[in-house]
Amino acid sequence: MQNLENTINNAFENRADFDSKTVSTNIRSAVEQSLALLDSGEGRVAEKKGDDWVVNQWLKKAVLLSFKINDNRVMEGDVNGYYDKV
């Protein structure tokens, strides 16, 4: 998990160097794995530890990176379609 965290942190620091078309497969994979952790509940952006709330900054950064590397796409609805990145 530490390798995943390091990849996300490094990608976030260098986020000006890539976009949805130029992002490396390594970064895209790390973002997708991070989102899968969040989806499964195994990872949390914020969690309570004792009496304190702790923010897992690297997971927050993964969510922000996902907006940068994923293009908008049409999501079909009952009546209207809409655009989304998630």
N, C-alpha and C. Protein backbone atom coordinates (compact mmCIF):
# COMPACT_ATOMS: atom_id res chain seq x y z
N MET A 1 0.83 -1.20 0.00
CA MET A 1 0.00 0.00 0.00
C MET A 1 0.87 1.26 0.00
N GLN A 2 2.04 1.17 0.61
CA GLN A 2 2.93 2.33 0.66
C GLN A 2 3.37 2.74 -0.75
N ASN A 3 3.61 1.75 -1.62
CA ASN A 3 4.00 2.05 -3.00
C ASN A 3 2.88 2.80 -3.72
N LEU A 4 1.64 2.37 -3.49
CA LEU A 4 0.49 3.04 -4.09
C LEU A 4 0.40 4.48 -3.60
N GLU A 5 0.57 4.66 -2.29
CA GLU A 5 0.54 6.00 -1.71
C GLU A 5 1.64 6.88 -2.29
N ASN A 6 2.84 6.35 -2.43
CA ASN A 6 3.95 7.12 -3.00
C ASN A 6 3.68 7.51 -4.45
N THR A 7 3.12 6.59 -5.22
CA THR A 7 2.80 6.88 -6.62
C THR A 7 1.80 8.01 -6.72
N ILE A 8 0.76 7.96 -5.88
CA ILE A 8 -0.27 9.02 -5.89
C ILE A 8 0.34 10.35 -5.47
N ASN A 9 1.11 10.35 -4.40
CA ASN A 9 1.72 11.61 -3.93
C ASN A 9 2.65 12.21 -4.99
N ASN A 10 3.46 11.38 -5.63
CA ASN A 10 4.36 11.88 -6.68
C ASN A 10 3.58 12.40 -7.88
N ALA A 11 2.53 11.67 -8.27
CA ALA A 11 1.71 12.11 -9.41
C ALA A 11 1.04 13.44 -9.10
N PHE A 12 0.58 13.59 -7.87
CA PHE A 12 -0.09 14.84 -7.51
C PHE A 12 0.88 16.02 -7.55
N GLU A 13 2.09 15.79 -7.09
CA GLU A 13 3.10 16.86 -7.13
C GLU A 13 3.44 17.27 -8.56
N ASN A 14 3.33 16.32 -9.48
CA ASN A 14 3.69 16.57 -10.88
C ASN A 14 2.47 16.62 -11.79
N ARG A 15 1.33 16.93 -11.25
CA ARG A 15 0.06 16.88 -12.01
C ARG A 15 0.01 17.86 -13.18
N ALA A 16 0.83 18.89 -13.16
CA ALA A 16 0.86 19.84 -14.28
C ALA A 16 1.53 19.23 -15.52
N ASP A 17 2.22 18.11 -15.33
CA ASP A 17 2.98 17.51 -16.42
C ASP A 17 2.18 16.54 -17.29
N PHE A 18 0.91 16.27 -16.94
CA PHE A 18 0.13 15.32 -17.73
C PHE A 18 -1.34 15.71 -17.73
N ASP A 19 -2.07 15.10 -18.65
CA ASP A 19 -3.53 15.27 -18.71
C ASP A 19 -4.14 13.91 -19.04
N SER A 20 -5.41 13.91 -19.40
CA SER A 20 -6.10 12.64 -19.64
C SER A 20 -5.52 11.86 -20.81
N LYS A 21 -4.88 12.54 -21.72
CA LYS A 21 -4.32 11.87 -22.90
C LYS A 21 -2.86 11.45 -22.72
N THR A 22 -2.15 12.10 -21.81
CA THR A 22 -0.72 11.83 -21.66
C THR A 22 -0.35 11.14 -20.35
N VAL A 23 -1.33 10.86 -19.51
CA VAL A 23 -1.04 10.23 -18.21
C VAL A 23 -0.46 8.83 -18.43
N SER A 24 0.51 8.46 -17.61
CA SER A 24 1.13 7.14 -17.74
C SER A 24 0.18 6.06 -17.25
N THR A 25 0.40 4.85 -17.73
CA THR A 25 -0.44 3.73 -17.28
C THR A 25 -0.21 3.45 -15.80
N ASN A 26 0.98 3.73 -15.30
CA ASN A 26 1.29 3.53 -13.89
C ASN A 26 0.44 4.45 -13.01
N ILE A 27 0.34 5.72 -13.39
CA ILE A 27 -0.46 6.67 -12.62
C ILE A 27 -1.94 6.34 -12.74
N ARG A 28 -2.40 6.06 -13.95
CA ARG A 28 -3.82 5.71 -14.14
C ARG A 28 -4.19 4.49 -13.30
N SER A 29 -3.34 3.49 -13.30
CA SER A 29 -3.58 2.28 -12.52
C SER A 29 -3.63 2.58 -11.02
N ALA A 30 -2.71 3.42 -10.55
CA ALA A 30 -2.68 3.78 -9.13
C ALA A 30 -3.95 4.52 -8.72
N VAL A 31 -4.42 5.42 -9.57
CA VAL A 31 -5.66 6.15 -9.28
C VAL A 31 -6.83 5.17 -9.25
N GLU A 32 -6.90 4.27 -10.22
CA GLU A 32 -7.99 3.29 -10.26
C GLU A 32 -7.97 2.38 -9.05
N GLN A 33 -6.78 1.94 -8.63
CA GLN A 33 -6.66 1.10 -7.44
C GLN A 33 -7.10 1.86 -6.19
N SER A 34 -6.74 3.13 -6.11
CA SER A 34 -7.13 3.95 -4.96
C SER A 34 -8.64 4.12 -4.90
N LEU A 35 -9.26 4.38 -6.05
CA LEU A 35 -10.72 4.51 -6.08
C LEU A 35 -11.39 3.19 -5.72
N ALA A 36 -10.80 2.07 -6.12
CA ALA A 36 -11.35 0.76 -5.76
C ALA A 36 -11.30 0.55 -4.24
N LEU A 37 -10.22 1.02 -3.60
CA LEU A 37 -10.13 0.94 -2.14
C LEU A 37 -11.25 1.75 -1.49
N LEU A 38 -11.51 2.93 -2.04
CA LEU A 38 -12.59 3.76 -1.51
C LEU A 38 -13.95 3.11 -1.75
N ASP A 39 -14.15 2.57 -2.95
CA ASP A 39 -15.43 1.93 -3.28
C ASP A 39 -15.71 0.73 -2.38
N SER A 40 -14.67 -0.02 -2.04
CA SER A 40 -14.85 -1.22 -1.22
C SER A 40 -14.99 -0.89 0.26
N GLY A 41 -14.64 0.34 0.64
CA GLY A 41 -14.67 0.70 2.05
C GLY A 41 -13.38 0.39 2.78
N GLU A 42 -12.44 -0.25 2.08
CA GLU A 42 -11.16 -0.58 2.69
C GLU A 42 -10.33 0.68 2.94
N GLY A 43 -10.49 1.67 2.07
CA GLY A 43 -9.82 2.95 2.24
C GLY A 43 -10.83 4.03 2.52
N ARG A 44 -10.42 5.03 3.26
CA ARG A 44 -11.29 6.16 3.59
C ARG A 44 -10.49 7.45 3.49
N VAL A 45 -11.12 8.48 2.94
CA VAL A 45 -10.44 9.77 2.85
C VAL A 45 -10.25 10.34 4.25
N ALA A 46 -11.22 10.15 5.12
CA ALA A 46 -11.11 10.59 6.51
C ALA A 46 -11.65 9.47 7.40
N GLU A 47 -10.98 9.26 8.52
CA GLU A 47 -11.42 8.22 9.45
C GLU A 47 -11.15 8.66 10.88
N LYS A 48 -11.98 8.17 11.77
CA LYS A 48 -11.83 8.52 13.18
C LYS A 48 -10.87 7.54 13.83
N LYS A 49 -9.84 8.09 14.47
CA LYS A 49 -8.87 7.29 15.21
C LYS A 49 -8.86 7.83 16.63
N GLY A 50 -9.44 7.06 17.53
CA GLY A 50 -9.60 7.54 18.90
C GLY A 50 -10.59 8.68 18.92
N ASP A 51 -10.18 9.81 19.45
CA ASP A 51 -11.04 10.99 19.50
C ASP A 51 -10.79 11.95 18.34
N ASP A 52 -9.87 11.60 17.46
CA ASP A 52 -9.47 12.51 16.39
C ASP A 52 -9.89 11.98 15.01
N TRP A 53 -10.13 12.92 14.11
CA TRP A 53 -10.36 12.59 12.71
C TRP A 53 -9.04 12.77 11.97
N VAL A 54 -8.68 11.77 11.19
CA VAL A 54 -7.44 11.80 10.42
C VAL A 54 -7.80 11.77 8.94
N VAL A 55 -7.20 12.68 8.18
CA VAL A 55 -7.41 12.73 6.73
C VAL A 55 -6.27 11.98 6.05
N ASN A 56 -6.64 11.02 5.21
CA ASN A 56 -5.66 10.30 4.40
C ASN A 56 -5.47 11.12 3.12
N GLN A 57 -4.52 12.04 3.19
CA GLN A 57 -4.32 13.00 2.10
C GLN A 57 -4.09 12.32 0.76
N TRP A 58 -3.39 11.21 0.75
CA TRP A 58 -3.08 10.56 -0.52
C TRP A 58 -4.34 10.05 -1.20
N LEU A 59 -5.34 9.60 -0.44
CA LEU A 59 -6.59 9.16 -1.06
C LEU A 59 -7.39 10.36 -1.57
N LYS A 60 -7.32 11.45 -0.84
CA LYS A 60 -7.95 12.69 -1.32
C LYS A 60 -7.30 13.12 -2.63
N LYS A 61 -5.99 13.04 -2.70
CA LYS A 61 -5.26 13.40 -3.92
C LYS A 61 -5.63 12.46 -5.07
N ALA A 62 -5.85 11.19 -4.77
CA ALA A 62 -6.24 10.23 -5.81
C ALA A 62 -7.58 10.62 -6.42
N VAL A 63 -8.52 11.06 -5.59
CA VAL A 63 -9.82 11.50 -6.09
C VAL A 63 -9.65 12.72 -6.99
N LEU A 64 -8.85 13.67 -6.55
CA LEU A 64 -8.61 14.87 -7.36
C LEU A 64 -7.92 14.53 -8.68
N LEU A 65 -6.97 13.60 -8.63
CA LEU A 65 -6.30 13.18 -9.86
C LEU A 65 -7.27 12.49 -10.82
N SER A 66 -8.24 11.78 -10.27
CA SER A 66 -9.20 11.09 -11.14
C SER A 66 -9.99 12.09 -11.97
N PHE A 67 -10.28 13.27 -11.42
CA PHE A 67 -10.96 14.30 -12.20
C PHE A 67 -10.08 14.81 -13.33
N LYS A 68 -8.78 14.86 -13.08
CA LYS A 68 -7.85 15.36 -14.10
C LYS A 68 -7.64 14.36 -15.23
N ILE A 69 -7.58 13.08 -14.91
CA ILE A 69 -7.20 12.09 -15.93
C ILE A 69 -8.39 11.43 -16.62
N ASN A 70 -9.60 11.67 -16.15
CA ASN A 70 -10.78 11.08 -16.79
C ASN A 70 -11.56 12.15 -17.54
N ASP A 71 -11.90 11.85 -18.77
CA ASP A 71 -12.70 12.77 -19.57
C ASP A 71 -14.17 12.69 -19.15
N ASN A 72 -14.90 13.78 -19.39
CA ASN A 72 -16.35 13.75 -19.19
C ASN A 72 -16.94 12.71 -20.12
N ARG A 73 -18.00 12.08 -19.67
CA ARG A 73 -18.72 11.15 -20.55
C ARG A 73 -20.21 11.29 -20.28
N VAL A 74 -20.99 10.99 -21.28
CA VAL A 74 -22.44 11.10 -21.14
C VAL A 74 -22.95 9.92 -20.33
N MET A 75 -23.71 10.23 -19.30
CA MET A 75 -24.37 9.21 -18.48
C MET A 75 -25.85 9.25 -18.83
N GLU A 76 -26.37 8.14 -19.23
CA GLU A 76 -27.78 8.10 -19.62
C GLU A 76 -28.67 8.07 -18.39
N GLY A 77 -29.71 8.90 -18.42
CA GLY A 77 -30.70 8.93 -17.36
C GLY A 77 -32.05 8.51 -17.90
N ASP A 78 -33.07 8.51 -17.05
CA ASP A 78 -34.41 8.13 -17.49
C ASP A 78 -34.92 9.05 -18.59
N VAL A 79 -34.75 10.35 -18.38
CA VAL A 79 -35.27 11.33 -19.34
C VAL A 79 -34.14 12.04 -20.07
N ASN A 80 -33.16 12.48 -19.32
CA ASN A 80 -32.06 13.25 -19.89
C ASN A 80 -30.73 12.58 -19.60
N GLY A 81 -29.78 12.84 -20.47
CA GLY A 81 -28.43 12.43 -20.19
C GLY A 81 -27.70 13.56 -19.48
N TYR A 82 -26.60 13.26 -18.87
CA TYR A 82 -25.79 14.28 -18.21
C TYR A 82 -24.33 13.86 -18.31
N TYR A 83 -23.44 14.79 -18.02
CA TYR A 83 -22.02 14.52 -18.09
C TYR A 83 -21.48 14.25 -16.70
N ASP A 84 -20.53 13.32 -16.63
CA ASP A 84 -19.92 12.98 -15.35
C ASP A 84 -18.52 12.45 -15.62
N LYS A 85 -17.66 12.51 -14.60
CA LYS A 85 -16.31 11.98 -14.69
C LYS A 85 -16.10 10.79 -13.78
N VAL A 86 -17.03 10.56 -12.90
CA VAL A 86 -16.83 9.51 -11.89
C VAL A 86 -17.52 8.24 -12.31
